[in-house]
N, C-alpha and C. Protein backbone atom coordinates (compact mmCIF):
# COMPACT_ATOMS: atom_id res chain seq x y z
N MET A 1 23.41 -11.81 -13.93
CA MET A 1 23.43 -10.69 -12.89
C MET A 1 24.44 -10.16 -12.74
N GLU A 2 24.53 -8.50 -12.38
CA GLU A 2 25.77 -7.60 -12.25
C GLU A 2 26.12 -8.10 -11.05
N PRO A 3 27.14 -7.33 -10.23
CA PRO A 3 26.81 -7.17 -9.11
C PRO A 3 26.43 -6.22 -8.44
N GLY A 4 25.26 -6.39 -7.52
CA GLY A 4 24.96 -5.05 -6.70
C GLY A 4 23.13 -5.46 -7.44
N ASP A 5 23.45 -5.76 -8.38
CA ASP A 5 21.60 -6.05 -8.75
C ASP A 5 20.89 -6.30 -7.59
N SER A 6 21.38 -7.65 -7.20
CA SER A 6 20.16 -7.93 -5.75
C SER A 6 19.74 -6.73 -4.97
N THR A 7 21.15 -5.80 -4.88
CA THR A 7 20.78 -5.15 -3.92
C THR A 7 19.94 -3.74 -4.26
N ARG A 8 20.00 -3.22 -5.07
CA ARG A 8 18.76 -2.60 -6.22
C ARG A 8 17.74 -3.26 -6.46
N GLN A 9 17.29 -4.30 -6.36
CA GLN A 9 16.31 -5.17 -6.64
C GLN A 9 15.70 -4.82 -5.13
N ALA A 10 16.28 -4.86 -4.22
CA ALA A 10 16.10 -5.33 -2.23
C ALA A 10 15.41 -3.74 -2.41
N ARG A 11 15.85 -2.95 -2.85
CA ARG A 11 15.83 -1.63 -1.98
C ARG A 11 14.43 -1.40 -2.86
N ALA A 12 14.42 -1.36 -4.49
CA ALA A 12 13.25 -1.01 -5.13
C ALA A 12 12.04 -1.03 -4.82
N ALA A 13 11.86 -2.93 -4.69
CA ALA A 13 10.63 -3.31 -3.90
C ALA A 13 10.07 -2.45 -3.17
N PRO A 14 10.44 -2.43 -1.76
CA PRO A 14 9.77 -1.84 -0.66
C PRO A 14 9.30 -0.40 -1.15
N GLN A 15 10.42 0.41 -1.64
CA GLN A 15 9.88 1.93 -2.08
C GLN A 15 8.72 2.00 -3.14
N LEU A 16 8.42 0.74 -4.04
CA LEU A 16 7.21 0.75 -4.79
C LEU A 16 5.78 0.37 -3.71
N ARG A 17 6.32 -0.58 -3.14
CA ARG A 17 4.83 -1.31 -1.97
C ARG A 17 4.59 -0.01 -1.27
N LYS A 18 5.58 0.95 -0.54
CA LYS A 18 5.49 1.99 -0.22
C LYS A 18 4.11 2.90 -0.67
N GLY A 19 4.48 2.87 -1.66
CA GLY A 19 3.30 4.15 -2.44
C GLY A 19 2.26 3.41 -2.85
N VAL A 20 2.18 2.22 -2.79
CA VAL A 20 0.60 1.73 -3.05
C VAL A 20 0.00 0.92 -1.77
N LEU A 21 1.03 0.50 -0.80
CA LEU A 21 0.08 0.10 0.01
C LEU A 21 -1.04 0.62 1.06
N GLU A 22 -1.50 1.85 1.04
CA GLU A 22 -2.28 2.78 1.84
C GLU A 22 -3.87 2.37 1.10
N CYS A 23 -3.53 2.46 -0.46
CA CYS A 23 -4.39 2.50 -0.86
C CYS A 23 -4.72 0.82 -1.25
N CYS A 24 -4.13 -0.21 -1.36
CA CYS A 24 -4.56 -1.76 -1.16
C CYS A 24 -5.13 -1.95 -0.10
N VAL A 25 -4.74 -1.33 1.07
CA VAL A 25 -5.17 -1.64 2.29
C VAL A 25 -6.61 -1.01 2.30
N LEU A 26 -6.85 0.19 2.15
CA LEU A 26 -8.16 0.75 1.91
C LEU A 26 -8.99 -0.24 0.79
N ALA A 27 -8.75 -0.62 -0.41
CA ALA A 27 -9.81 -1.49 -1.42
C ALA A 27 -9.80 -2.98 -0.60
N LEU A 28 -8.89 -3.25 0.32
CA LEU A 28 -9.25 -4.59 0.84
C LEU A 28 -10.61 -4.59 1.98
N MET A 29 -10.59 -3.22 1.88
CA MET A 29 -11.36 -3.37 3.51
C MET A 29 -13.26 -2.63 2.63
N ARG A 30 -13.29 -3.21 1.18
CA ARG A 30 -14.35 -2.08 0.46
C ARG A 30 -15.34 -3.26 0.71
N GLY A 31 -14.92 -4.59 0.76
CA GLY A 31 -16.41 -5.24 0.77
C GLY A 31 -16.55 -5.88 2.43
N ARG A 32 -16.01 -5.63 3.35
CA ARG A 32 -16.39 -5.82 4.67
C ARG A 32 -15.02 -5.25 5.75
N PRO A 33 -15.48 -5.17 6.85
CA PRO A 33 -14.42 -4.83 7.79
C PRO A 33 -13.10 -6.08 7.92
N ARG A 34 -11.89 -5.59 8.26
CA ARG A 34 -10.90 -6.49 8.23
C ARG A 34 -10.21 -6.08 9.66
N TYR A 35 -9.98 -7.18 9.77
CA TYR A 35 -8.63 -7.16 11.23
C TYR A 35 -7.07 -6.70 11.05
N GLY A 36 -6.22 -6.45 11.38
CA GLY A 36 -4.96 -6.16 10.92
C GLY A 36 -4.02 -7.29 10.35
N VAL A 37 -4.52 -8.34 10.97
CA VAL A 37 -3.59 -9.57 10.87
C VAL A 37 -4.08 -10.24 9.29
N GLU A 38 -5.40 -9.84 9.33
CA GLU A 38 -6.07 -10.63 8.02
C GLU A 38 -5.75 -9.57 6.95
N LEU A 39 -5.66 -8.16 6.86
CA LEU A 39 -5.28 -7.55 6.43
C LEU A 39 -3.50 -8.10 5.49
N LEU A 40 -2.85 -7.97 6.84
CA LEU A 40 -1.33 -8.75 6.62
C LEU A 40 -1.15 -9.74 5.56
N HIS A 41 -2.26 -11.22 6.28
CA HIS A 41 -2.12 -12.13 5.52
C HIS A 41 -2.57 -12.06 3.51
N ALA A 42 -3.41 -10.92 3.74
CA ALA A 42 -3.68 -10.57 2.09
C ALA A 42 -2.92 -10.24 1.14
N LEU A 43 -2.39 -9.15 2.41
CA LEU A 43 -1.19 -8.71 1.26
C LEU A 43 0.21 -9.69 0.91
N GLU A 44 0.45 -10.48 1.93
CA GLU A 44 1.26 -11.70 1.76
C GLU A 44 1.08 -12.64 0.66
N ASP A 45 -0.06 -12.91 0.56
CA ASP A 45 -0.87 -13.83 -0.73
C ASP A 45 -0.77 -12.80 -1.74
N SER A 46 -0.59 -12.10 -2.02
CA SER A 46 -0.42 -11.03 -3.55
C SER A 46 1.12 -11.53 -3.68
N GLY A 47 2.09 -11.89 -2.72
CA GLY A 47 3.43 -11.76 -3.05
C GLY A 47 4.57 -10.25 -3.48
N ALA A 48 4.08 -9.70 -4.02
CA ALA A 48 4.90 -8.30 -4.44
C ALA A 48 4.75 -7.24 -3.27
N LEU A 49 3.19 -7.59 -2.61
CA LEU A 49 2.85 -6.89 -1.31
C LEU A 49 3.16 -7.04 0.02
N ALA A 50 3.97 -8.18 0.15
CA ALA A 50 4.42 -9.03 1.07
C ALA A 50 4.70 -7.86 2.83
N THR A 51 4.72 -7.41 3.26
CA THR A 51 5.16 -6.87 4.61
C THR A 51 4.89 -7.51 5.72
N SER A 52 4.89 -6.77 6.41
CA SER A 52 5.23 -6.57 8.32
C SER A 52 4.32 -6.25 9.00
N GLN A 53 4.06 -6.74 9.78
CA GLN A 53 3.15 -5.72 11.13
C GLN A 53 3.41 -4.55 11.48
N GLY A 54 4.63 -4.54 11.45
CA GLY A 54 5.58 -3.57 11.85
C GLY A 54 5.19 -2.05 10.88
N THR A 55 4.55 -2.66 9.77
CA THR A 55 4.08 -1.73 8.81
C THR A 55 2.98 -1.45 8.59
N VAL A 56 2.06 -2.66 8.86
CA VAL A 56 0.64 -2.48 8.58
C VAL A 56 -0.02 -2.04 9.92
N HIS A 57 0.39 -1.94 10.95
CA HIS A 57 -0.07 -1.54 12.29
C HIS A 57 -0.02 0.09 12.23
N PRO A 58 0.88 0.47 12.09
CA PRO A 58 1.32 1.84 12.23
C PRO A 58 0.60 2.54 10.70
N LEU A 59 0.29 1.84 9.65
CA LEU A 59 -0.48 2.58 8.74
C LEU A 59 -1.70 2.35 8.64
N LEU A 60 -2.31 1.24 9.69
CA LEU A 60 -3.91 1.17 9.78
C LEU A 60 -3.65 2.60 11.09
N SER A 61 -3.12 2.47 12.24
CA SER A 61 -3.18 3.76 13.43
C SER A 61 -3.75 5.43 12.27
N ARG A 62 -2.64 5.22 11.27
CA ARG A 62 -2.55 6.49 10.42
C ARG A 62 -3.94 6.90 9.55
N LEU A 63 -4.11 5.64 9.02
CA LEU A 63 -5.46 6.18 8.33
C LEU A 63 -6.59 6.07 9.20
N HIS A 64 -6.53 5.86 10.54
CA HIS A 64 -7.56 5.91 11.69
C HIS A 64 -7.56 7.14 11.99
N SER A 65 -6.37 8.03 12.44
CA SER A 65 -6.19 9.22 12.29
C SER A 65 -6.82 9.91 11.55
N ASP A 66 -6.24 9.91 9.90
CA ASP A 66 -6.97 10.59 9.03
C ASP A 66 -8.15 10.32 8.37
N GLU A 67 -8.68 9.49 9.54
CA GLU A 67 -10.18 9.33 9.55
C GLU A 67 -11.07 8.65 8.36
N LEU A 68 -9.87 7.89 7.66
CA LEU A 68 -10.45 7.18 6.19
C LEU A 68 -10.80 6.03 6.89
N VAL A 69 -10.63 5.04 8.00
CA VAL A 69 -10.90 4.23 8.17
C VAL A 69 -11.58 4.07 9.96
N ALA A 70 -12.37 3.25 10.05
CA ALA A 70 -13.10 3.41 11.34
C ALA A 70 -12.84 2.06 12.24
N THR A 71 -12.95 1.86 13.65
CA THR A 71 -12.64 0.65 14.24
C THR A 71 -13.55 0.50 15.04
N THR A 72 -13.54 -0.74 15.10
CA THR A 72 -14.49 -1.35 16.57
C THR A 72 -13.63 -2.50 16.81
N TRP A 73 -14.09 -3.12 18.36
CA TRP A 73 -13.39 -4.05 18.69
C TRP A 73 -14.20 -5.23 18.65
N GLN A 74 -13.98 -6.31 18.08
CA GLN A 74 -15.02 -7.99 17.98
C GLN A 74 -14.33 -8.67 19.25
N GLU A 75 -15.15 -9.48 19.93
CA GLU A 75 -14.72 -10.65 20.58
C GLU A 75 -14.12 -11.59 19.76
N SER A 76 -13.44 -12.32 19.82
CA SER A 76 -12.65 -13.24 18.86
C SER A 76 -12.56 -14.64 19.94
N ALA A 77 -13.38 -15.76 19.81
CA ALA A 77 -13.27 -16.76 19.86
C ALA A 77 -11.97 -17.67 20.11
N SER A 78 -10.57 -17.42 19.57
CA SER A 78 -9.66 -17.74 19.64
C SER A 78 -8.55 -17.07 20.52
N GLY A 79 -8.92 -15.94 21.13
CA GLY A 79 -8.05 -15.38 21.86
C GLY A 79 -8.57 -13.81 22.08
N PRO A 80 -7.73 -13.10 22.79
CA PRO A 80 -8.34 -11.62 23.05
C PRO A 80 -8.98 -10.69 21.96
N PRO A 81 -9.81 -9.93 22.43
CA PRO A 81 -10.58 -9.41 21.20
C PRO A 81 -9.57 -8.84 20.37
N ARG A 82 -10.11 -8.53 18.88
CA ARG A 82 -9.44 -8.26 17.99
C ARG A 82 -10.37 -6.44 17.40
N ARG A 83 -9.44 -5.72 17.03
CA ARG A 83 -9.69 -4.50 16.66
C ARG A 83 -10.20 -4.77 14.88
N ASP A 84 -11.39 -4.50 14.51
CA ASP A 84 -11.76 -4.53 13.01
C ASP A 84 -11.16 -3.45 12.60
N TYR A 85 -11.27 -3.22 11.37
CA TYR A 85 -11.39 -1.68 10.69
C TYR A 85 -12.08 -1.90 8.99
N SER A 86 -12.77 -0.68 9.23
CA SER A 86 -13.94 -0.81 7.83
C SER A 86 -13.66 0.44 7.46
N LEU A 87 -13.86 0.87 6.16
CA LEU A 87 -13.90 2.12 5.36
C LEU A 87 -14.85 3.48 6.12
N ALA A 88 -14.38 4.34 6.44
CA ALA A 88 -14.93 5.27 7.00
C ALA A 88 -16.04 5.80 5.73
N ASP A 89 -16.61 7.18 5.42
CA ASP A 89 -16.87 7.55 4.47
C ASP A 89 -16.22 8.21 3.90
N SER A 90 -15.00 8.98 4.12
CA SER A 90 -14.24 9.62 3.61
C SER A 90 -12.83 9.07 3.21
N GLY A 91 -12.94 7.20 3.71
CA GLY A 91 -12.13 6.36 3.21
C GLY A 91 -12.87 5.57 1.40
N ARG A 92 -13.84 5.46 1.26
CA ARG A 92 -14.21 4.76 0.25
C ARG A 92 -13.76 5.51 -1.19
N ALA A 93 -13.63 6.61 -1.21
CA ALA A 93 -13.23 7.34 -2.68
C ALA A 93 -11.67 7.10 -3.00
N ALA A 94 -11.01 6.28 -2.03
CA ALA A 94 -9.36 7.01 -2.37
C ALA A 94 -8.93 5.79 -2.97
N PRO A 95 -9.68 4.39 -2.72
CA PRO A 95 -9.40 3.38 -3.74
C PRO A 95 -9.56 3.64 -5.28
N ASP A 96 -10.99 4.52 -5.34
CA ASP A 96 -11.30 4.44 -6.99
C ASP A 96 -10.12 5.69 -7.56
N GLU A 97 -9.97 6.97 -6.73
CA GLU A 97 -9.27 7.71 -6.91
C GLU A 97 -7.62 7.28 -7.20
N PHE A 98 -7.36 6.12 -6.66
CA PHE A 98 -5.76 5.53 -6.68
C PHE A 98 -6.44 4.84 -7.83
N THR A 99 -7.36 4.46 -8.53
CA THR A 99 -7.14 3.64 -10.06
C THR A 99 -7.43 4.78 -10.72
N ARG A 100 -8.00 5.92 -10.63
CA ARG A 100 -8.17 6.88 -11.83
C ARG A 100 -7.05 7.43 -12.32
N VAL A 101 -6.12 7.57 -10.94
CA VAL A 101 -5.12 8.76 -11.46
C VAL A 101 -3.63 7.54 -11.40
N ARG A 102 -3.70 6.37 -11.35
CA ARG A 102 -2.84 5.07 -11.65
C ARG A 102 -1.64 4.91 -12.94
N PRO A 103 -2.91 4.66 -13.68
CA PRO A 103 -2.56 4.72 -15.79
C PRO A 103 -1.74 5.54 -15.82
N GLY A 104 -1.87 6.98 -15.31
CA GLY A 104 -1.38 8.32 -16.23
C GLY A 104 0.42 8.41 -15.28
N PHE A 105 -0.17 7.86 -14.12
CA PHE A 105 1.65 7.52 -13.11
C PHE A 105 2.16 6.50 -14.00
N ARG A 106 1.47 5.17 -14.06
CA ARG A 106 2.61 4.36 -14.55
C ARG A 106 2.97 4.46 -16.15
N ASN A 107 2.22 5.30 -16.40
CA ASN A 107 2.69 6.09 -17.94
C ASN A 107 4.04 7.01 -17.70
N ALA A 108 3.93 7.77 -17.27
CA ALA A 108 5.21 8.45 -16.66
C ALA A 108 6.27 8.07 -16.35
N VAL A 109 6.21 7.03 -15.43
CA VAL A 109 7.20 5.93 -14.98
C VAL A 109 7.69 5.35 -16.03
N ASP A 110 6.81 4.74 -16.70
CA ASP A 110 7.47 3.65 -17.79
C ASP A 110 8.32 4.57 -19.32
N ALA A 111 7.73 5.67 -19.19
CA ALA A 111 7.90 6.67 -20.23
C ALA A 111 9.71 7.16 -19.85
N PHE A 112 9.77 7.28 -18.55
CA PHE A 112 11.41 7.57 -17.63
C PHE A 112 12.05 6.44 -18.13
N LEU A 113 11.44 5.52 -17.97
CA LEU A 113 12.20 4.24 -17.79
C LEU A 113 12.70 3.63 -18.77
N ILE A 114 11.74 3.32 -19.86
CA ILE A 114 11.85 2.98 -20.85
C ILE A 114 12.50 3.78 -22.27
N THR A 115 12.17 4.88 -22.32
CA THR A 115 12.67 5.82 -23.08
C THR A 115 13.99 6.84 -23.04
N PRO A 116 14.99 6.98 -23.82
CA PRO A 116 16.16 7.09 -23.19
C PRO A 116 15.73 9.16 -22.99
N HIS A 117 16.09 10.30 -21.74
CA HIS A 117 15.66 11.07 -21.96
C HIS A 117 17.26 11.92 -22.09
N PRO A 118 17.11 13.04 -23.29
CA PRO A 118 18.90 13.42 -23.33
C PRO A 118 18.39 14.32 -22.00
N VAL A 119 19.94 14.99 -21.65
CA VAL A 119 20.06 16.18 -20.62
C VAL A 119 20.10 17.20 -21.42
N THR A 120 19.69 18.02 -20.86
CA THR A 120 19.19 19.41 -21.63
C THR A 120 19.75 20.62 -20.64
N GLY A 121 20.32 21.57 -21.13
CA GLY A 121 20.61 22.53 -20.10
C GLY A 121 22.34 22.25 -19.27
N ASP A 122 22.89 23.43 -19.21
CA ASP A 122 24.08 23.17 -18.79
C ASP A 122 24.20 23.05 -17.40
N LEU A 123 24.63 21.68 -16.99
CA LEU A 123 24.69 21.71 -15.20
C LEU A 123 25.26 22.53 -14.21
N ALA A 124 26.44 22.94 -15.09
CA ALA A 124 27.66 23.82 -14.46
C ALA A 124 27.08 24.85 -13.76
């Protein structure tokens, strides 16, 4: 491993995660309502999408503000009431849209990463 490789990898993973986290959180709610910590654990279980409450809760708040998710309060046998998040009608299409555009996006990124691209034009 070259010097600085671990630093570059440490920067790349969060940027990639940031780009797909919203869609993955919405996809996790397709089957049933979920609460924040439950979503956090599902993301952790995936390995590559592990994140923190400081990321998930603001994301959920934004998704609620954008009317992609609805919230309800549920009593909990083990503590205070918890907020459950479920897909709003407008949020149901987001995972499908992501699924539709992801292959083209992935192919475009792969083309840049795999195929050398000559510099064209004069930069001066």
